[in-house]
Amino acid sequence: MTMTSTTFRMDAALKEELRQLMSNLGLDMSTYFVMSAKQAVREQGIPFKITMDVPNVETIKAMQDTRDGIGLSKGFSSVSALMEELDADD
């Protein structure tokens, strides 16, 4: 297969963030772009969902609370421990 070079422009900060992410995943930028191109051709479309979905205030608060450990339910070490708790009279 004959290889060709492609050049395009992107924001320097975005490029660095992407490079760092790919490095953490064990990939280089070239491998990532080739993988993305192959997936787009295979799917005959953009290989990820493009949305404007922005969480509402309530969802953002719930996400922050979860990250901060606020309002989480008690954990159980086994199903039987969970069942005992569920069956217990309050």
PDB file of N, CA and C in Angstrom:
ATOM      1  N   MET A   1       0.848  -1.161   0.000  1.00  0.00           N
ATOM      2  CA  MET A   1       0.000   0.000   0.000  1.00  0.00           C
ATOM      3  C   MET A   1       0.903   1.237   0.000  1.00  0.00           C
ATOM      4  N   THR A   2       0.658   2.134  -0.920  1.00  0.00           N
ATOM      5  CA  THR A   2       1.412   3.371  -1.005  1.00  0.00           C
ATOM      6  C   THR A   2       0.901   4.352   0.038  1.00  0.00           C
ATOM      7  N   MET A   3       1.815   4.942   0.787  1.00  0.00           N
ATOM      8  CA  MET A   3       1.445   5.910   1.824  1.00  0.00           C
ATOM      9  C   MET A   3       1.586   7.322   1.269  1.00  0.00           C
ATOM     10  N   THR A   4       0.797   8.242   1.790  1.00  0.00           N
ATOM     11  CA  THR A   4       0.858   9.642   1.401  1.00  0.00           C
ATOM     12  C   THR A   4       0.811  10.509   2.651  1.00  0.00           C
ATOM     13  N   SER A   5       1.330  11.699   2.553  1.00  0.00           N
ATOM     14  CA  SER A   5       1.300  12.638   3.679  1.00  0.00           C
ATOM     15  C   SER A   5       0.100  13.559   3.551  1.00  0.00           C
ATOM     16  N   THR A   6      -0.466  13.922   4.689  1.00  0.00           N
ATOM     17  CA  THR A   6      -1.571  14.869   4.733  1.00  0.00           C
ATOM     18  C   THR A   6      -1.226  15.917   5.787  1.00  0.00           C
ATOM     19  N   THR A   7      -1.450  17.162   5.448  1.00  0.00           N
ATOM     20  CA  THR A   7      -1.164  18.258   6.373  1.00  0.00           C
ATOM     21  C   THR A   7      -2.443  19.035   6.632  1.00  0.00           C
ATOM     22  N   PHE A   8      -2.699  19.357   7.887  1.00  0.00           N
ATOM     23  CA  PHE A   8      -3.839  20.208   8.211  1.00  0.00           C
ATOM     24  C   PHE A   8      -3.500  21.030   9.439  1.00  0.00           C
ATOM     25  N   ARG A   9      -4.296  22.035   9.691  1.00  0.00           N
ATOM     26  CA  ARG A   9      -4.035  22.962  10.786  1.00  0.00           C
ATOM     27  C   ARG A   9      -5.029  22.732  11.927  1.00  0.00           C
ATOM     28  N   MET A  10      -4.531  22.894  13.159  1.00  0.00           N
ATOM     29  CA  MET A  10      -5.395  22.851  14.333  1.00  0.00           C
ATOM     30  C   MET A  10      -4.767  23.711  15.417  1.00  0.00           C
ATOM     31  N   ASP A  11      -5.565  24.093  16.366  1.00  0.00           N
ATOM     32  CA  ASP A  11      -5.113  24.881  17.495  1.00  0.00           C
ATOM     33  C   ASP A  11      -3.972  24.154  18.214  1.00  0.00           C
ATOM     34  N   ALA A  12      -2.914  24.871  18.559  1.00  0.00           N
ATOM     35  CA  ALA A  12      -1.734  24.262  19.174  1.00  0.00           C
ATOM     36  C   ALA A  12      -2.061  23.590  20.510  1.00  0.00           C
ATOM     37  N   ALA A  13      -2.911  24.216  21.309  1.00  0.00           N
ATOM     38  CA  ALA A  13      -3.272  23.631  22.605  1.00  0.00           C
ATOM     39  C   ALA A  13      -4.055  22.336  22.418  1.00  0.00           C
ATOM     40  N   LEU A  14      -4.978  22.325  21.465  1.00  0.00           N
ATOM     41  CA  LEU A  14      -5.742  21.115  21.168  1.00  0.00           C
ATOM     42  C   LEU A  14      -4.814  20.006  20.697  1.00  0.00           C
ATOM     43  N   LYS A  15      -3.887  20.344  19.827  1.00  0.00           N
ATOM     44  CA  LYS A  15      -2.928  19.355  19.325  1.00  0.00           C
ATOM     45  C   LYS A  15      -2.147  18.733  20.481  1.00  0.00           C
ATOM     46  N   GLU A  16      -1.695  19.554  21.407  1.00  0.00           N
ATOM     47  CA  GLU A  16      -0.916  19.041  22.534  1.00  0.00           C
ATOM     48  C   GLU A  16      -1.769  18.160  23.439  1.00  0.00           C
ATOM     49  N   GLU A  17      -3.005  18.566  23.694  1.00  0.00           N
ATOM     50  CA  GLU A  17      -3.907  17.732  24.505  1.00  0.00           C
ATOM     51  C   GLU A  17      -4.136  16.381  23.841  1.00  0.00           C
ATOM     52  N   LEU A  18      -4.360  16.398  22.528  1.00  0.00           N
ATOM     53  CA  LEU A  18      -4.581  15.154  21.794  1.00  0.00           C
ATOM     54  C   LEU A  18      -3.323  14.302  21.791  1.00  0.00           C
ATOM     55  N   ARG A  19      -2.168  14.921  21.573  1.00  0.00           N
ATOM     56  CA  ARG A  19      -0.909  14.179  21.570  1.00  0.00           C
ATOM     57  C   ARG A  19      -0.698  13.488  22.915  1.00  0.00           C
ATOM     58  N   GLN A  20      -0.973  14.219  24.004  1.00  0.00           N
ATOM     59  CA  GLN A  20      -0.810  13.662  25.349  1.00  0.00           C
ATOM     60  C   GLN A  20      -1.770  12.490  25.576  1.00  0.00           C
ATOM     61  N   LEU A  21      -3.018  12.651  25.181  1.00  0.00           N
ATOM     62  CA  LEU A  21      -4.004  11.585  25.324  1.00  0.00           C
ATOM     63  C   LEU A  21      -3.587  10.348  24.546  1.00  0.00           C
ATOM     64  N   MET A  22      -3.197  10.546  23.296  1.00  0.00           N
ATOM     65  CA  MET A  22      -2.782   9.411  22.470  1.00  0.00           C
ATOM     66  C   MET A  22      -1.551   8.734  23.065  1.00  0.00           C
ATOM     67  N   SER A  23      -0.625   9.517  23.578  1.00  0.00           N
ATOM     68  CA  SER A  23       0.563   8.957  24.222  1.00  0.00           C
ATOM     69  C   SER A  23       0.167   8.096  25.419  1.00  0.00           C
ATOM     70  N   ASN A  24      -0.774   8.586  26.221  1.00  0.00           N
ATOM     71  CA  ASN A  24      -1.258   7.814  27.372  1.00  0.00           C
ATOM     72  C   ASN A  24      -1.929   6.517  26.942  1.00  0.00           C
ATOM     73  N   LEU A  25      -2.492   6.511  25.736  1.00  0.00           N
ATOM     74  CA  LEU A  25      -3.140   5.308  25.200  1.00  0.00           C
ATOM     75  C   LEU A  25      -2.168   4.427  24.420  1.00  0.00           C
ATOM     76  N   GLY A  26      -0.906   4.849  24.340  1.00  0.00           N
ATOM     77  CA  GLY A  26       0.103   4.068  23.631  1.00  0.00           C
ATOM     78  C   GLY A  26       0.072   4.256  22.126  1.00  0.00           C
ATOM     79  N   LEU A  27      -0.494   5.358  21.661  1.00  0.00           N
ATOM     80  CA  LEU A  27      -0.593   5.626  20.225  1.00  0.00           C
ATOM     81  C   LEU A  27       0.140   6.912  19.892  1.00  0.00           C
ATOM     82  N   ASP A  28       0.563   7.032  18.639  1.00  0.00           N
ATOM     83  CA  ASP A  28       1.045   8.329  18.184  1.00  0.00           C
ATOM     84  C   ASP A  28      -0.070   8.974  17.363  1.00  0.00           C
ATOM     85  N   MET A  29       0.114  10.236  17.043  1.00  0.00           N
ATOM     86  CA  MET A  29      -0.928  10.987  16.330  1.00  0.00           C
ATOM     87  C   MET A  29      -1.217  10.374  14.964  1.00  0.00           C
ATOM     88  N   SER A  30      -0.191   9.959  14.264  1.00  0.00           N
ATOM     89  CA  SER A  30      -0.377   9.392  12.931  1.00  0.00           C
ATOM     90  C   SER A  30      -1.250   8.139  12.993  1.00  0.00           C
ATOM     91  N   THR A  31      -0.957   7.264  13.947  1.00  0.00           N
ATOM     92  CA  THR A  31      -1.746   6.036  14.104  1.00  0.00           C
ATOM     93  C   THR A  31      -3.200   6.371  14.411  1.00  0.00           C
ATOM     94  N   TYR A  32      -3.420   7.355  15.278  1.00  0.00           N
ATOM     95  CA  TYR A  32      -4.782   7.758  15.617  1.00  0.00           C
ATOM     96  C   TYR A  32      -5.542   8.241  14.388  1.00  0.00           C
ATOM     97  N   PHE A  33      -4.918   9.106  13.588  1.00  0.00           N
ATOM     98  CA  PHE A  33      -5.618   9.644  12.419  1.00  0.00           C
ATOM     99  C   PHE A  33      -5.886   8.563  11.375  1.00  0.00           C
ATOM    100  N   VAL A  34      -4.955   7.627  11.208  1.00  0.00           N
ATOM    101  CA  VAL A  34      -5.194   6.521  10.272  1.00  0.00           C
ATOM    102  C   VAL A  34      -6.346   5.650  10.782  1.00  0.00           C
ATOM    103  N   MET A  35      -6.357   5.350  12.088  1.00  0.00           N
ATOM    104  CA  MET A  35      -7.457   4.562  12.662  1.00  0.00           C
ATOM    105  C   MET A  35      -8.792   5.268  12.453  1.00  0.00           C
ATOM    106  N   SER A  36      -8.827   6.569  12.700  1.00  0.00           N
ATOM    107  CA  SER A  36     -10.062   7.338  12.531  1.00  0.00           C
ATOM    108  C   SER A  36     -10.522   7.334  11.081  1.00  0.00           C
ATOM    109  N   ALA A  37      -9.575   7.498  10.154  1.00  0.00           N
ATOM    110  CA  ALA A  37      -9.916   7.503   8.729  1.00  0.00           C
ATOM    111  C   ALA A  37     -10.468   6.144   8.301  1.00  0.00           C
ATOM    112  N   LYS A  38      -9.829   5.068   8.746  1.00  0.00           N
ATOM    113  CA  LYS A  38     -10.304   3.722   8.389  1.00  0.00           C
ATOM    114  C   LYS A  38     -11.707   3.479   8.938  1.00  0.00           C
ATOM    115  N   GLN A  39     -11.948   3.919  10.164  1.00  0.00           N
ATOM    116  CA  GLN A  39     -13.273   3.727  10.760  1.00  0.00           C
ATOM    117  C   GLN A  39     -14.325   4.537  10.011  1.00  0.00           C
ATOM    118  N   ALA A  40     -13.999   5.762   9.609  1.00  0.00           N
ATOM    119  CA  ALA A  40     -14.943   6.592   8.852  1.00  0.00           C
ATOM    120  C   ALA A  40     -15.292   5.933   7.525  1.00  0.00           C
ATOM    121  N   VAL A  41     -14.292   5.387   6.845  1.00  0.00           N
ATOM    122  CA  VAL A  41     -14.537   4.704   5.570  1.00  0.00           C
ATOM    123  C   VAL A  41     -15.379   3.450   5.805  1.00  0.00           C
ATOM    124  N   ARG A  42     -15.058   2.690   6.835  1.00  0.00           N
ATOM    125  CA  ARG A  42     -15.789   1.458   7.144  1.00  0.00           C
ATOM    126  C   ARG A  42     -17.256   1.760   7.445  1.00  0.00           C
ATOM    127  N   GLU A  43     -17.511   2.828   8.216  1.00  0.00           N
ATOM    128  CA  GLU A  43     -18.880   3.170   8.611  1.00  0.00           C
ATOM    129  C   GLU A  43     -19.583   4.073   7.611  1.00  0.00           C
ATOM    130  N   GLN A  44     -18.821   4.555   6.634  1.00  0.00           N
ATOM    131  CA  GLN A  44     -19.364   5.493   5.649  1.00  0.00           C
ATOM    132  C   GLN A  44     -19.970   6.711   6.329  1.00  0.00           C
ATOM    133  N   GLY A  45     -19.271   7.202   7.324  1.00  0.00           N
ATOM    134  CA  GLY A  45     -19.705   8.381   8.061  1.00  0.00           C
ATOM    135  C   GLY A  45     -18.711   8.706   9.150  1.00  0.00           C
ATOM    136  N   ILE A  46     -18.989   9.738   9.881  1.00  0.00           N
ATOM    137  CA  ILE A  46     -18.121  10.121  10.987  1.00  0.00           C
ATOM    138  C   ILE A  46     -18.261   9.065  12.083  1.00  0.00           C
ATOM    139  N   PRO A  47     -17.138   8.523  12.566  1.00  0.00           N
ATOM    140  CA  PRO A  47     -17.197   7.372  13.477  1.00  0.00           C
ATOM    141  C   PRO A  47     -17.482   7.710  14.938  1.00  0.00           C
ATOM    142  N   PHE A  48     -18.118   8.813  15.183  1.00  0.00           N
ATOM    143  CA  PHE A  48     -18.533   9.146  16.537  1.00  0.00           C
ATOM    144  C   PHE A  48     -19.732  10.075  16.458  1.00  0.00           C
ATOM    145  N   LYS A  49     -20.476  10.119  17.536  1.00  0.00           N
ATOM    146  CA  LYS A  49     -21.691  10.922  17.581  1.00  0.00           C
ATOM    147  C   LYS A  49     -21.325  12.398  17.745  1.00  0.00           C
ATOM    148  N   ILE A  50     -21.839  13.233  16.877  1.00  0.00           N
ATOM    149  CA  ILE A  50     -21.630  14.671  16.974  1.00  0.00           C
ATOM    150  C   ILE A  50     -22.899  15.267  17.559  1.00  0.00           C
ATOM    151  N   THR A  51     -22.774  15.829  18.744  1.00  0.00           N
ATOM    152  CA  THR A  51     -23.965  16.336  19.424  1.00  0.00           C
ATOM    153  C   THR A  51     -23.698  17.701  20.043  1.00  0.00           C
ATOM    154  N   MET A  52     -24.742  18.323  20.415  1.00  0.00           N
ATOM    155  CA  MET A  52     -24.687  19.555  21.187  1.00  0.00           C
ATOM    156  C   MET A  52     -25.284  19.279  22.565  1.00  0.00           C
ATOM    157  N   ASP A  53     -25.303  18.004  22.969  1.00  0.00           N
ATOM    158  CA  ASP A  53     -25.871  17.629  24.258  1.00  0.00           C
ATOM    159  C   ASP A  53     -25.055  18.246  25.383  1.00  0.00           C
ATOM    160  N   VAL A  54     -25.651  19.173  26.068  1.00  0.00           N
ATOM    161  CA  VAL A  54     -25.012  19.824  27.204  1.00  0.00           C
ATOM    162  C   VAL A  54     -25.842  19.478  28.430  1.00  0.00           C
ATOM    163  N   PRO A  55     -25.200  18.944  29.472  1.00  0.00           N
ATOM    164  CA  PRO A  55     -25.975  18.590  30.657  1.00  0.00           C
ATOM    165  C   PRO A  55     -26.650  19.815  31.269  1.00  0.00           C
ATOM    166  N   ASN A  56     -27.872  19.598  31.785  1.00  0.00           N
ATOM    167  CA  ASN A  56     -28.564  20.705  32.449  1.00  0.00           C
ATOM    168  C   ASN A  56     -27.996  20.894  33.853  1.00  0.00           C
ATOM    169  N   VAL A  57     -28.431  21.932  34.533  1.00  0.00           N
ATOM    170  CA  VAL A  57     -27.899  22.288  35.851  1.00  0.00           C
ATOM    171  C   VAL A  57     -28.049  21.132  36.837  1.00  0.00           C
ATOM    172  N   GLU A  58     -29.203  20.480  36.822  1.00  0.00           N
ATOM    173  CA  GLU A  58     -29.455  19.366  37.743  1.00  0.00           C
ATOM    174  C   GLU A  58     -28.480  18.216  37.488  1.00  0.00           C
ATOM    175  N   THR A  59     -28.244  17.899  36.225  1.00  0.00           N
ATOM    176  CA  THR A  59     -27.323  16.817  35.882  1.00  0.00           C
ATOM    177  C   THR A  59     -25.894  17.177  36.266  1.00  0.00           C
ATOM    178  N   ILE A  60     -25.496  18.407  35.997  1.00  0.00           N
ATOM    179  CA  ILE A  60     -24.147  18.849  36.368  1.00  0.00           C
ATOM    180  C   ILE A  60     -23.951  18.737  37.881  1.00  0.00           C
ATOM    181  N   LYS A  61     -24.965  19.154  38.652  1.00  0.00           N
ATOM    182  CA  LYS A  61     -24.890  19.056  40.118  1.00  0.00           C
ATOM    183  C   LYS A  61     -24.762  17.601  40.549  1.00  0.00           C
ATOM    184  N   ALA A  62     -25.534  16.706  39.953  1.00  0.00           N
ATOM    185  CA  ALA A  62     -25.469  15.282  40.287  1.00  0.00           C
ATOM    186  C   ALA A  62     -24.091  14.714  39.951  1.00  0.00           C
ATOM    187  N   MET A  63     -23.525  15.123  38.827  1.00  0.00           N
ATOM    188  CA  MET A  63     -22.193  14.655  38.437  1.00  0.00           C
ATOM    189  C   MET A  63     -21.141  15.145  39.431  1.00  0.00           C
ATOM    190  N   GLN A  64     -21.243  16.412  39.848  1.00  0.00           N
ATOM    191  CA  GLN A  64     -20.300  16.961  40.826  1.00  0.00           C
ATOM    192  C   GLN A  64     -20.445  16.255  42.173  1.00  0.00           C
ATOM    193  N   ASP A  65     -21.683  16.032  42.605  1.00  0.00           N
ATOM    194  CA  ASP A  65     -21.923  15.331  43.868  1.00  0.00           C
ATOM    195  C   ASP A  65     -21.322  13.929  43.832  1.00  0.00           C
ATOM    196  N   THR A  66     -21.490  13.237  42.723  1.00  0.00           N
ATOM    197  CA  THR A  66     -20.940  11.892  42.587  1.00  0.00           C
ATOM    198  C   THR A  66     -19.423  11.928  42.681  1.00  0.00           C
ATOM    199  N   ARG A  67     -18.805  12.864  41.956  1.00  0.00           N
ATOM    200  CA  ARG A  67     -17.343  12.998  42.026  1.00  0.00           C
ATOM    201  C   ARG A  67     -16.875  13.284  43.448  1.00  0.00           C
ATOM    202  N   ASP A  68     -17.667  14.076  44.187  1.00  0.00           N
ATOM    203  CA  ASP A  68     -17.304  14.464  45.550  1.00  0.00           C
ATOM    204  C   ASP A  68     -17.764  13.452  46.598  1.00  0.00           C
ATOM    205  N   GLY A  69     -18.434  12.383  46.175  1.00  0.00           N
ATOM    206  CA  GLY A  69     -18.884  11.350  47.101  1.00  0.00           C
ATOM    207  C   GLY A  69     -20.107  11.734  47.910  1.00  0.00           C
ATOM    208  N   ILE A  70     -20.870  12.705  47.428  1.00  0.00           N
ATOM    209  CA  ILE A  70     -22.055  13.188  48.146  1.00  0.00           C
ATOM    210  C   ILE A  70     -23.289  12.419  47.680  1.00  0.00           C
ATOM    211  N   GLY A  71     -24.062  11.901  48.649  1.00  0.00           N
ATOM    212  CA  GLY A  71     -25.327  11.253  48.327  1.00  0.00           C
ATOM    213  C   GLY A  71     -25.213   9.865  47.722  1.00  0.00           C
ATOM    214  N   LEU A  72     -24.055   9.246  47.861  1.00  0.00           N
ATOM    215  CA  LEU A  72     -23.900   7.902  47.310  1.00  0.00           C
ATOM    216  C   LEU A  72     -24.532   6.883  48.246  1.00  0.00           C
ATOM    217  N   SER A  73     -25.029   5.807  47.687  1.00  0.00           N
ATOM    218  CA  SER A  73     -25.623   4.770  48.516  1.00  0.00           C
ATOM    219  C   SER A  73     -24.520   3.928  49.156  1.00  0.00           C
ATOM    220  N   LYS A  74     -24.895   3.220  50.188  1.00  0.00           N
ATOM    221  CA  LYS A  74     -23.971   2.355  50.905  1.00  0.00           C
ATOM    222  C   LYS A  74     -23.515   1.226  49.986  1.00  0.00           C
ATOM    223  N   GLY A  75     -22.261   0.857  50.088  1.00  0.00           N
ATOM    224  CA  GLY A  75     -21.746  -0.255  49.294  1.00  0.00           C
ATOM    225  C   GLY A  75     -21.915  -1.575  50.029  1.00  0.00           C
ATOM    226  N   PHE A  76     -21.914  -2.660  49.297  1.00  0.00           N
ATOM    227  CA  PHE A  76     -22.064  -3.986  49.880  1.00  0.00           C
ATOM    228  C   PHE A  76     -20.974  -4.891  49.334  1.00  0.00           C
ATOM    229  N   SER A  77     -20.482  -5.785  50.187  1.00  0.00           N
ATOM    230  CA  SER A  77     -19.403  -6.682  49.782  1.00  0.00           C
ATOM    231  C   SER A  77     -19.916  -7.937  49.094  1.00  0.00           C
ATOM    232  N   SER A  78     -21.211  -8.182  49.189  1.00  0.00           N
ATOM    233  CA  SER A  78     -21.777  -9.373  48.554  1.00  0.00           C
ATOM    234  C   SER A  78     -23.266  -9.162  48.298  1.00  0.00           C
ATOM    235  N   VAL A  79     -23.815 -10.005  47.466  1.00  0.00           N
ATOM    236  CA  VAL A  79     -25.250  -9.951  47.186  1.00  0.00           C
ATOM    237  C   VAL A  79     -26.032 -10.303  48.443  1.00  0.00           C
ATOM    238  N   SER A  80     -25.525 -11.270  49.206  1.00  0.00           N
ATOM    239  CA  SER A  80     -26.254 -11.661  50.420  1.00  0.00           C
ATOM    240  C   SER A  80     -26.307 -10.507  51.424  1.00  0.00           C
ATOM    241  N   ALA A  81     -25.242  -9.727  51.532  1.00  0.00           N
ATOM    242  CA  ALA A  81     -25.259  -8.565  52.426  1.00  0.00           C
ATOM    243  C   ALA A  81     -26.279  -7.535  51.944  1.00  0.00           C
ATOM    244  N   LEU A  82     -26.354  -7.340  50.647  1.00  0.00           N
ATOM    245  CA  LEU A  82     -27.348  -6.427  50.078  1.00  0.00           C
ATOM    246  C   LEU A  82     -28.753  -6.920  50.384  1.00  0.00           C
ATOM    247  N   MET A  83     -28.989  -8.213  50.183  1.00  0.00           N
ATOM    248  CA  MET A  83     -30.320  -8.773  50.418  1.00  0.00           C
ATOM    249  C   MET A  83     -30.716  -8.657  51.890  1.00  0.00           C
ATOM    250  N   GLU A  84     -29.764  -8.875  52.796  1.00  0.00           N
ATOM    251  CA  GLU A  84     -30.055  -8.714  54.227  1.00  0.00           C
ATOM    252  C   GLU A  84     -30.509  -7.292  54.522  1.00  0.00           C
ATOM    253  N   GLU A  85     -29.816  -6.325  53.942  1.00  0.00           N
ATOM    254  CA  GLU A  85     -30.176  -4.913  54.146  1.00  0.00           C
ATOM    255  C   GLU A  85     -31.562  -4.618  53.581  1.00  0.00           C
ATOM    256  N   LEU A  86     -31.855  -5.152  52.401  1.00  0.00           N
ATOM    257  CA  LEU A  86     -33.153  -4.912  51.774  1.00  0.00           C
ATOM    258  C   LEU A  86     -34.290  -5.555  52.566  1.00  0.00           C
ATOM    259  N   ASP A  87     -34.015  -6.718  53.148  1.00  0.00           N
ATOM    260  CA  ASP A  87     -35.038  -7.444  53.897  1.00  0.00           C
ATOM    261  C   ASP A  87     -35.188  -6.960  55.336  1.00  0.00           C
ATOM    262  N   ALA A  88     -34.251  -6.159  55.816  1.00  0.00           N
ATOM    263  CA  ALA A  88     -34.271  -5.712  57.214  1.00  0.00           C
ATOM    264  C   ALA A  88     -35.452  -4.784  57.464  1.00  0.00           C
ATOM    265  N   ASP A  89     -36.053  -4.943  58.660  1.00  0.00           N
ATOM    266  CA  ASP A  89     -37.123  -4.032  59.083  1.00  0.00           C
ATOM    267  C   ASP A  89     -36.469  -2.786  59.648  1.00  0.00           C
ATOM    268  N   ASP A  90     -36.950  -1.637  59.222  1.00  0.00           N
ATOM    269  CA  ASP A  90     -36.382  -0.372  59.720  1.00  0.00           C
ATOM    270  C   ASP A  90     -37.005   0.037  61.011  1.00  0.00           C
TER     271      ASP A  90
END
